[in-house]
Amino acid sequence: MLFQLTILGTSSALPTSNRYPTAQVLHVPGRFFLIDCGEGTQTQMRKYKIGFSKINHIFISHLHGDHIFGLIGLISTMVLLGRINDLHIYSHSELQKFLLPQLQFLYAEEIPFKIIYHPLNFKKEQKIFEDKKVTVYSFPLSHRIPTCGFRFEEKPVLPNLIPAKIEEYQIPIRDRQRIKEGGDFIASNGQLILHSELTTNKHQARSFAFCSDTRYDESYIESIRNVDLLYHEATFAEDNRELAQSTYHSTGKDAATVALKAQVGKLIIGHFSARYKDHTIILKEAQAIFPNTKAISEGEVFQVEKVIGH
């Protein structure tokens, strides 16, 4: 069952000739979630064949330009394409003050779809979205302005009944859903057949966490504990540790230390400063602490999956 992350941007505040600001798309079966929307996001969506109409939920970690400057262009394109479905944006409540004047200036009449704003809580973890497939939580990070990370948790899938057992015990249709949901079965001879004997479930629920701009801070470790895939910003290498601390950003070593303490399955790092033409040094410093680390690139796709031994 598909659960994958597409990277649209890996740069920090300054775009480069081959790196875009932060934006990612998480694909959970039938749902596409846009996480941050830096400048050029819609160009990258076209390049990597992500349909604009599929995006109904946008999660904005904080209101620095490299995370929001792509929003007005993306919304304008949605208008031009004739969108009518509601668009949900989860962000700081101040985002409306940024978007509304631009939309009012560009469009004499109201745009043909509703933009529904969901304000984030920057003091504690909060459930911000839930449907039958996935639950999304926000949690506070430690940056210069109010900033949240996001955790996406796939909901457990009910196990399948073993066909041979259905036939062996002649299990009626009326009992099958109850057994899937954890019930046992009493056979015609009075024998109790346990749920575990009747079902199989090869699928395990997966999880992904997005840690946007933040300095090293252990306060959010519990919010990302045991996730299967963690994205964590790693703007600098250790040669710029003082700069990382003064700008409330992380180094590769910081990101890896968080991943290690949170016991995540796999770590991916990005939001690289433009001063690094090659981010290998950041990656190596992270891998020295948390070996299962990968530096992200534009267009890269990561499958969110259970890691052996995790």
Protein backbone atom coordinates (compact mmCIF):
# COMPACT_ATOMS: atom_id res chain seq x y z
CA MET A 1 0.00 0.00 0.00
CA LEU A 2 1.53 3.29 -1.15
CA PHE A 3 2.88 5.72 1.45
CA GLN A 4 5.59 7.88 -0.07
CA LEU A 5 7.25 11.27 0.18
CA THR A 6 8.31 13.38 -2.82
CA ILE A 7 10.94 16.06 -2.25
CA LEU A 8 10.30 19.32 -4.12
CA GLY A 9 12.84 21.59 -2.40
CA THR A 10 15.97 21.11 -0.31
CA SER A 11 17.46 24.60 0.08
CA SER A 12 17.27 26.96 3.03
CA ALA A 13 16.44 30.67 2.76
CA LEU A 14 18.34 31.27 -0.49
CA PRO A 15 17.37 29.22 -3.57
CA THR A 16 20.26 28.14 -5.78
CA SER A 17 20.45 27.33 -9.48
CA ASN A 18 19.58 23.70 -8.75
CA ARG A 19 17.95 23.75 -5.31
CA TYR A 20 14.51 25.07 -4.40
CA PRO A 21 13.21 26.18 -0.97
CA THR A 22 11.36 23.74 1.25
CA ALA A 23 8.35 21.83 -0.06
CA GLN A 24 7.40 18.17 0.16
CA VAL A 25 4.37 16.11 -0.86
CA LEU A 26 3.30 13.11 1.19
CA HIS A 27 1.16 10.57 -0.64
CA VAL A 28 -1.00 8.42 1.60
CA PRO A 29 -3.40 6.19 -0.40
CA GLY A 30 -5.82 8.55 -2.12
CA ARG A 31 -4.50 11.65 -0.34
CA PHE A 32 -1.78 14.14 -1.22
CA PHE A 33 -0.55 16.43 1.56
CA LEU A 34 1.64 19.43 0.70
CA ILE A 35 4.09 20.29 3.48
CA ASP A 36 5.45 23.84 3.26
CA CYS A 37 5.30 25.80 0.02
CA GLY A 38 8.50 27.63 -0.82
CA GLU A 39 9.03 29.66 -3.98
CA GLY A 40 8.78 27.48 -7.09
CA THR A 41 6.66 24.77 -5.52
CA GLN A 42 4.15 24.66 -8.36
CA THR A 43 6.95 24.44 -10.93
CA GLN A 44 8.35 21.45 -9.07
CA MET A 45 4.90 19.88 -8.82
CA ARG A 46 4.56 20.04 -12.59
CA LYS A 47 8.06 18.70 -13.10
CA TYR A 48 7.41 15.69 -10.88
CA LYS A 49 3.85 15.15 -12.10
CA ILE A 50 1.88 15.92 -8.94
CA GLY A 51 -1.61 17.10 -9.90
CA PHE A 52 -2.73 20.45 -8.50
CA SER A 53 -6.28 19.20 -8.00
CA LYS A 54 -5.03 16.42 -5.73
CA ILE A 55 -3.81 18.89 -3.10
CA ASN A 56 -6.61 19.59 -0.63
CA HIS A 57 -4.54 20.02 2.54
CA ILE A 58 -1.47 22.25 2.95
CA PHE A 59 0.61 22.25 6.13
CA ILE A 60 2.77 25.34 6.75
CA SER A 61 5.38 24.98 9.49
CA HIS A 62 6.06 28.71 9.95
CA LEU A 63 5.83 32.06 8.23
CA HIS A 64 9.34 32.60 6.91
CA GLY A 65 9.41 33.37 3.20
CA ASP A 66 11.25 30.27 2.09
CA HIS A 67 8.33 28.22 3.41
CA ILE A 68 5.37 30.29 2.13
CA PHE A 69 6.37 32.36 -0.93
CA GLY A 70 5.00 29.69 -3.29
CA LEU A 71 1.49 29.82 -1.86
CA ILE A 72 0.04 32.76 -3.78
CA GLY A 73 1.28 31.37 -7.11
CA LEU A 74 -0.09 27.91 -6.35
CA ILE A 75 -3.49 29.27 -5.30
CA SER A 76 -3.64 31.51 -8.37
CA THR A 77 -2.98 28.52 -10.62
CA MET A 78 -5.73 26.59 -8.85
CA VAL A 79 -8.11 29.46 -9.66
CA LEU A 80 -7.06 29.43 -13.32
CA LEU A 81 -7.60 25.68 -13.48
CA GLY A 82 -11.18 26.10 -12.27
CA ARG A 83 -10.85 24.55 -8.86
CA ILE A 84 -14.06 24.40 -6.83
CA ASN A 85 -13.11 22.08 -3.95
CA ASP A 86 -12.26 23.55 -0.55
CA LEU A 87 -8.59 24.08 0.22
CA HIS A 88 -7.51 23.53 3.84
CA ILE A 89 -4.42 25.32 5.15
CA TYR A 90 -2.93 24.48 8.56
CA SER A 91 -0.66 27.30 9.71
CA HIS A 92 -0.10 30.22 12.03
CA SER A 93 -3.29 32.30 12.15
CA GLU A 94 -1.34 35.29 10.77
CA LEU A 95 -1.05 33.62 7.36
CA GLN A 96 -4.45 35.03 6.41
CA LYS A 97 -3.05 38.56 6.75
CA PHE A 98 -0.37 37.62 4.22
CA LEU A 99 -2.63 35.91 1.68
CA LEU A 100 -5.90 37.88 1.75
CA PRO A 101 -4.57 41.24 0.48
CA GLN A 102 -2.86 39.51 -2.43
CA LEU A 103 -5.95 37.55 -3.37
CA GLN A 104 -8.15 40.65 -3.07
CA PHE A 105 -5.73 42.60 -5.25
CA LEU A 106 -5.57 39.88 -7.92
CA TYR A 107 -9.25 38.95 -8.04
CA ALA A 108 -12.06 41.52 -8.13
CA GLU A 109 -14.55 38.82 -7.18
CA GLU A 110 -14.22 36.03 -4.67
CA ILE A 111 -12.22 33.04 -5.83
CA PRO A 112 -14.41 30.03 -6.74
CA PHE A 113 -13.38 27.84 -3.81
CA LYS A 114 -13.15 28.25 -0.07
CA ILE A 115 -9.82 28.53 1.70
CA ILE A 116 -10.32 27.16 5.19
CA TYR A 117 -7.64 28.15 7.68
CA HIS A 118 -6.80 25.93 10.62
CA PRO A 119 -4.64 27.73 13.23
CA LEU A 120 -1.83 25.74 14.82
CA ASN A 121 -1.00 25.52 18.49
CA PHE A 122 2.64 26.51 19.12
CA LYS A 123 2.66 25.55 22.79
CA LYS A 124 1.73 21.87 22.75
CA GLU A 125 1.10 18.87 20.51
CA GLN A 126 -2.27 18.94 18.79
CA LYS A 127 -4.30 16.63 16.53
CA ILE A 128 -5.07 18.77 13.47
CA PHE A 129 -6.50 16.32 10.93
CA GLU A 130 -8.04 12.87 10.88
CA ASP A 131 -9.87 10.68 8.42
CA LYS A 132 -10.24 6.93 7.96
CA LYS A 133 -6.71 6.54 6.58
CA VAL A 134 -4.44 8.90 8.50
CA THR A 135 -4.11 11.13 11.57
CA VAL A 136 -1.95 14.27 11.56
CA TYR A 137 -0.47 15.98 14.61
CA SER A 138 1.41 19.25 14.96
CA PHE A 139 4.01 19.87 17.65
CA PRO A 140 6.09 22.94 18.59
CA LEU A 141 9.70 23.35 17.47
CA SER A 142 12.34 25.86 18.62
CA HIS A 143 12.91 28.55 15.99
CA ARG A 144 13.09 32.34 15.88
CA ILE A 145 9.36 32.60 15.22
CA PRO A 146 6.52 30.21 16.14
CA THR A 147 7.15 26.97 14.25
CA CYS A 148 5.55 23.54 14.19
CA GLY A 149 6.56 20.12 13.02
CA PHE A 150 4.05 17.57 11.74
CA ARG A 151 3.57 13.85 12.33
CA PHE A 152 1.52 11.72 9.96
CA GLU A 153 0.31 8.39 11.31
CA GLU A 154 -1.27 5.79 9.08
CA LYS A 155 -4.24 4.09 10.73
CA PRO A 156 -3.99 0.34 11.30
CA VAL A 157 -5.57 -1.80 8.62
CA LEU A 158 -7.91 -4.57 9.71
CA PRO A 159 -6.43 -8.05 9.22
CA ASN A 160 -7.61 -10.39 6.48
CA LEU A 161 -9.46 -13.61 7.19
CA ILE A 162 -7.56 -16.69 6.07
CA PRO A 163 -9.65 -18.25 3.26
CA ALA A 164 -8.82 -21.80 4.31
CA LYS A 165 -10.08 -21.08 7.83
CA ILE A 166 -13.33 -19.61 6.50
CA GLU A 167 -13.94 -22.86 4.65
CA GLU A 168 -12.73 -25.13 7.45
CA TYR A 169 -15.00 -23.63 10.08
CA GLN A 170 -17.78 -22.54 7.72
CA ILE A 171 -17.67 -18.97 9.04
CA PRO A 172 -20.86 -17.10 8.06
CA ILE A 173 -20.58 -13.74 6.30
CA ARG A 174 -22.35 -12.03 9.22
CA ASP A 175 -19.46 -12.94 11.57
CA ARG A 176 -16.52 -12.01 9.34
CA GLN A 177 -16.34 -8.28 10.03
CA ARG A 178 -16.58 -8.90 13.79
CA ILE A 179 -13.67 -11.33 13.59
CA LYS A 180 -11.60 -8.85 11.58
CA GLU A 181 -12.18 -6.31 14.32
CA GLY A 182 -10.72 -8.67 16.94
CA GLY A 183 -13.46 -11.13 17.75
CA ASP A 184 -13.16 -14.89 18.20
CA PHE A 185 -15.44 -17.51 16.63
CA ILE A 186 -17.36 -20.44 18.10
CA ALA A 187 -17.54 -23.31 15.63
CA SER A 188 -20.63 -25.48 15.18
CA ASN A 189 -19.14 -28.12 17.53
CA GLY A 190 -18.70 -25.51 20.27
CA GLN A 191 -14.95 -25.14 19.80
CA LEU A 192 -13.58 -21.62 20.43
CA ILE A 193 -11.38 -20.47 17.55
CA LEU A 194 -9.20 -17.49 18.45
CA HIS A 195 -9.01 -14.37 16.31
CA SER A 196 -5.24 -14.89 15.89
CA GLU A 197 -5.83 -18.30 14.29
CA LEU A 198 -8.33 -16.95 11.78
CA THR A 199 -6.59 -13.83 10.52
CA THR A 200 -3.40 -12.61 8.95
CA ASN A 201 -2.11 -9.06 8.61
CA LYS A 202 1.09 -8.45 6.70
CA HIS A 203 0.54 -4.70 6.66
CA GLN A 204 1.85 -2.57 9.51
CA ALA A 205 0.80 1.05 10.02
CA ARG A 206 3.58 3.50 9.13
CA SER A 207 4.48 7.02 10.21
CA PHE A 208 6.37 10.08 8.97
CA ALA A 209 7.47 13.20 10.86
CA PHE A 210 8.55 16.55 9.44
CA CYS A 211 10.82 18.70 11.58
CA SER A 212 11.09 22.10 9.95
CA ASP A 213 13.44 24.92 11.01
CA THR A 214 14.56 24.41 14.59
CA ARG A 215 17.59 24.50 16.80
CA TYR A 216 18.53 21.39 18.75
CA ASP A 217 15.91 20.91 21.44
CA GLU A 218 14.91 17.65 23.09
CA SER A 219 11.42 18.91 23.94
CA TYR A 220 9.93 17.51 20.72
CA ILE A 221 11.60 14.08 20.84
CA GLU A 222 8.51 12.38 22.28
CA SER A 223 6.41 13.79 19.43
CA ILE A 224 8.55 11.96 16.86
CA ARG A 225 9.51 8.87 18.84
CA ASN A 226 9.61 5.65 16.80
CA VAL A 227 8.43 7.18 13.52
CA ASP A 228 9.48 5.14 10.52
CA LEU A 229 10.79 8.10 8.50
CA LEU A 230 11.94 11.42 9.92
CA TYR A 231 12.76 14.54 7.93
CA HIS A 232 14.84 16.96 9.99
CA GLU A 233 16.42 20.19 8.83
CA ALA A 234 20.22 20.23 8.83
CA THR A 235 21.13 23.68 7.56
CA PHE A 236 24.77 23.67 8.64
CA ALA A 237 27.79 21.47 9.29
CA GLU A 238 29.73 21.68 12.53
CA ASP A 239 32.03 24.32 11.03
CA ASN A 240 29.12 26.73 11.42
CA ARG A 241 27.76 25.55 14.78
CA GLU A 242 27.73 29.05 16.28
CA LEU A 243 25.80 30.35 13.27
CA ALA A 244 23.33 27.46 13.61
CA GLN A 245 22.70 28.33 17.24
CA SER A 246 22.34 32.06 16.63
CA THR A 247 19.87 31.55 13.77
CA TYR A 248 17.95 28.76 15.57
CA HIS A 249 18.87 26.09 13.02
CA SER A 250 20.32 22.60 13.28
CA THR A 251 23.51 20.96 12.11
CA GLY A 252 23.66 17.47 10.65
CA LYS A 253 24.98 16.29 14.00
CA ASP A 254 21.98 17.85 15.77
CA ALA A 255 19.50 16.16 13.44
CA ALA A 256 21.18 12.79 13.87
CA THR A 257 21.26 13.12 17.65
CA VAL A 258 17.52 13.81 17.67
CA ALA A 259 16.92 10.80 15.42
CA LEU A 260 19.01 8.57 17.65
CA LYS A 261 17.29 9.67 20.86
CA ALA A 262 13.84 9.38 19.27
CA GLN A 263 14.69 5.87 17.96
CA VAL A 264 13.34 6.57 14.48
CA GLY A 265 13.67 4.12 11.62
CA LYS A 266 15.32 6.32 9.00
CA LEU A 267 16.47 9.95 8.90
CA ILE A 268 16.50 12.23 5.88
CA ILE A 269 18.06 15.69 6.10
CA GLY A 270 17.71 18.87 4.04
CA HIS A 271 17.23 22.66 4.16
CA PHE A 272 20.91 23.03 3.32
CA SER A 273 22.50 26.47 3.47
CA ALA A 274 23.47 27.90 0.08
CA ARG A 275 27.03 28.30 1.37
CA TYR A 276 27.49 24.54 0.90
CA LYS A 277 27.92 23.67 -2.77
CA ASP A 278 28.27 20.07 -1.65
CA HIS A 279 26.39 18.88 1.43
CA THR A 280 28.50 15.74 1.84
CA ILE A 281 30.15 17.10 4.98
CA ILE A 282 26.74 17.59 6.64
CA LEU A 283 25.69 14.07 5.67
CA LYS A 284 28.89 12.45 6.95
CA GLU A 285 28.64 14.23 10.29
CA ALA A 286 25.06 12.97 10.64
CA GLN A 287 25.88 9.40 9.59
CA ALA A 288 28.66 9.22 12.19
CA ILE A 289 25.90 9.38 14.83
CA PHE A 290 22.90 7.88 13.00
CA PRO A 291 24.10 5.67 10.11
CA ASN A 292 20.68 5.28 8.47
CA THR A 293 20.70 8.88 7.25
CA LYS A 294 20.19 10.17 3.70
CA ALA A 295 20.62 13.69 2.32
CA ILE A 296 17.63 14.61 0.16
CA SER A 297 17.63 15.88 -3.43
CA GLU A 298 14.97 17.51 -5.58
CA GLY A 299 12.65 14.95 -7.15
CA GLU A 300 13.69 12.14 -4.83
CA VAL A 301 10.93 9.82 -3.65
CA PHE A 302 11.11 8.01 -0.31
CA GLN A 303 8.91 5.07 0.56
CA VAL A 304 7.72 5.26 4.15
CA GLU A 305 8.25 1.73 5.36
CA LYS A 306 9.05 -0.30 8.42
CA VAL A 307 12.78 -0.66 9.00
CA ILE A 308 14.01 -4.12 10.03
CA GLY A 309 14.82 -4.12 13.72
CA HIS A 310 12.97 -0.86 14.34
